[in-house]
Protein backbone atom coordinates (compact mmCIF):
# COMPACT_ATOMS: atom_id res chain seq x y z
CA MET A 1 0.19 0.22 0.04
CA GLU A 2 1.63 3.10 -1.18
CA LEU A 3 0.12 6.48 0.61
CA ASN A 4 1.94 9.56 -0.21
CA LEU A 5 1.10 13.67 0.21
CA TYR A 6 2.36 15.34 -2.98
CA TRP A 7 3.41 18.62 -2.89
CA THR A 8 2.40 20.15 -7.09
CA ARG A 9 2.92 23.78 -7.86
CA GLU A 10 -1.36 24.16 -7.73
CA LEU A 11 -1.14 23.79 -3.89
CA SER A 12 0.96 26.96 -3.62
CA VAL A 13 -0.92 30.14 -2.09
CA GLY A 14 1.97 32.75 -3.22
CA VAL A 15 3.06 33.42 -0.28
CA ASP A 16 6.54 32.16 0.33
CA GLN A 17 6.41 31.88 3.38
CA ILE A 18 2.97 29.59 3.93
CA ASP A 19 4.37 27.36 1.00
CA ALA A 20 7.86 26.33 2.57
CA GLN A 21 5.54 25.57 5.71
CA HIS A 22 3.08 23.33 3.86
CA ARG A 23 5.94 21.60 1.51
CA GLU A 24 7.40 20.99 5.05
CA LEU A 25 3.87 19.96 6.56
CA PHE A 26 3.49 17.29 3.61
CA ASP A 27 7.04 15.94 4.33
CA HIS A 28 5.92 15.41 8.27
CA VAL A 29 2.84 13.66 7.05
CA ASN A 30 4.75 11.29 4.43
CA GLN A 31 7.21 10.40 6.88
CA LEU A 32 4.41 9.29 9.50
CA LEU A 33 2.80 7.38 6.99
CA SER A 34 6.16 5.94 5.69
CA ALA A 35 6.70 4.92 9.74
CA CYS A 36 2.77 3.47 10.43
CA LEU A 37 3.00 1.39 6.52
CA ALA A 38 6.96 -0.11 7.86
CA ASP A 39 7.03 -3.53 8.82
CA LYS A 40 9.91 -2.75 11.12
CA GLY A 41 8.65 0.41 12.82
CA SER A 42 7.14 0.55 16.33
CA ALA A 43 4.37 2.02 17.78
CA ALA A 44 6.11 4.20 20.04
CA GLN A 45 8.08 5.29 16.77
CA SER A 46 4.32 5.99 14.88
CA GLU A 47 3.58 7.81 17.89
CA GLN A 48 6.19 10.33 18.54
CA MET A 49 5.76 11.18 14.43
CA LEU A 50 2.14 11.94 14.87
CA THR A 51 3.00 14.18 18.49
CA PHE A 52 5.80 15.59 16.10
CA LEU A 53 3.41 16.35 13.25
CA HIS A 54 0.98 17.87 15.61
CA ASN A 55 3.08 20.40 17.10
CA TYR A 56 4.68 21.21 13.38
CA ALA A 57 0.81 22.13 12.69
CA ASN A 58 0.15 24.05 15.61
CA GLU A 59 3.67 26.09 14.77
CA HIS A 60 2.72 26.42 10.85
CA PHE A 61 -1.24 27.64 11.97
CA ARG A 62 -0.20 29.89 14.31
CA ALA A 63 2.56 31.60 12.16
CA GLU A 64 -0.45 31.19 9.49
CA GLU A 65 -2.74 33.35 11.84
CA ALA A 66 -0.64 35.98 12.78
CA LEU A 67 0.01 36.89 9.13
CA MET A 68 -3.46 36.98 8.81
CA GLU A 69 -3.59 39.44 11.77
CA GLU A 70 -1.01 41.18 10.08
CA HIS A 71 -3.16 41.55 7.23
CA HIS A 72 -6.29 42.26 9.05
CA TYR A 73 -7.68 39.19 7.21
CA GLN A 74 -11.72 39.17 7.70
CA ALA A 75 -11.92 35.61 7.60
CA LEU A 76 -9.60 34.99 10.55
CA GLU A 77 -12.02 33.23 13.05
CA MET A 78 -13.49 30.97 10.35
CA HIS A 79 -10.18 30.01 9.42
CA ARG A 80 -8.81 29.45 12.82
CA ARG A 81 -11.42 27.32 13.99
CA GLN A 82 -10.60 25.03 11.02
CA HIS A 83 -7.11 24.89 12.19
CA LEU A 84 -8.19 23.75 15.47
CA GLY A 85 -10.17 21.24 13.97
CA PHE A 86 -7.77 20.30 11.95
CA CYS A 87 -5.40 19.65 15.61
CA ARG A 88 -8.84 17.92 17.37
CA ARG A 89 -8.06 15.58 14.80
CA LEU A 90 -4.84 14.63 14.94
CA GLN A 91 -5.32 13.90 18.81
CA GLN A 92 -8.04 11.73 18.02
CA LEU A 93 -5.39 9.97 15.98
CA GLU A 94 -2.45 10.29 18.97
CA ARG A 95 -5.76 8.81 21.39
CA ARG A 96 -6.32 6.01 18.29
CA LEU A 97 -2.81 5.11 18.11
CA LEU A 98 -2.22 4.43 22.14
CA ASP A 99 -5.73 2.49 22.49
CA ASN A 100 -5.11 0.53 19.28
CA PRO A 101 -1.54 0.31 18.00
CA ALA A 102 -2.56 -0.90 14.45
CA LYS A 103 0.19 1.02 12.45
CA GLN A 104 -1.41 -0.11 9.00
CA GLU A 105 -5.05 0.74 10.22
CA LEU A 106 -3.95 4.19 11.19
CA ALA A 107 -2.07 4.84 8.15
CA ALA A 108 -5.26 4.69 6.51
CA GLU A 109 -6.83 6.73 9.06
CA ILE A 110 -4.47 9.67 8.54
CA ASN A 111 -4.84 8.96 4.79
CA GLU A 112 -8.35 9.80 5.09
CA MET A 113 -8.18 12.01 7.39
CA VAL A 114 -5.76 14.69 7.28
CA ILE A 115 -4.69 14.43 3.78
CA ASP A 116 -8.38 15.17 2.36
CA TRP A 117 -7.91 17.91 4.83
CA LEU A 118 -5.12 19.39 3.70
CA TYR A 119 -5.66 19.18 0.76
CA GLU A 120 -8.88 21.16 0.66
CA HIS A 121 -8.04 23.49 3.05
CA ILE A 122 -5.17 24.54 1.07
CA CYS A 123 -6.42 25.11 -2.43
CA MET A 124 -9.76 26.16 -0.76
CA GLU A 125 -9.25 28.66 2.64
CA ASP A 126 -4.99 28.97 1.87
CA ARG A 127 -5.62 29.99 -1.46
CA ALA A 128 -8.10 32.68 -0.23
CA LEU A 129 -5.54 33.89 2.06
CA GLY A 130 -2.61 34.06 -0.04
CA ASN A 131 -4.82 35.87 -2.87
CA PHE A 132 -5.90 38.42 -0.01
CA ILE A 133 -2.18 39.01 1.59
CA ARG A 134 -1.16 39.45 -2.09
CA GLN A 135 -3.35 42.06 -2.81
CA ALA A 136 -2.66 44.02 0.32
CA SER A 137 0.76 43.84 -0.03
CA ALA A 138 0.69 45.36 -3.72
């Protein structure tokens, strides 16, 4: 089974800082998926990577929200709620891994829950934010 998150130029929001963080976020998700699918990886390793991903997502969301505040982005609160929802999903995955360390099942759930959310969020919400920031900076 191959599950990967692929960065393409179509996912660019046109703000270098956000795009760089998205690419790094994709790398971390792919590392987590690889750890979950590897026969030699332990549940503890997968848990550690999931926790790291959660922390990195929080860091990225704080940076993104700071840009929104700086540019007086009107959809800040809605965007913040979406970020909070994503972090809650990651917490659910962390608890699920502790309760049932079946890593291949976790990989499928990460694929469905996290990857789908990231693609949709970047293509819709973050792209709108990128357009707003570029226009405000012009």
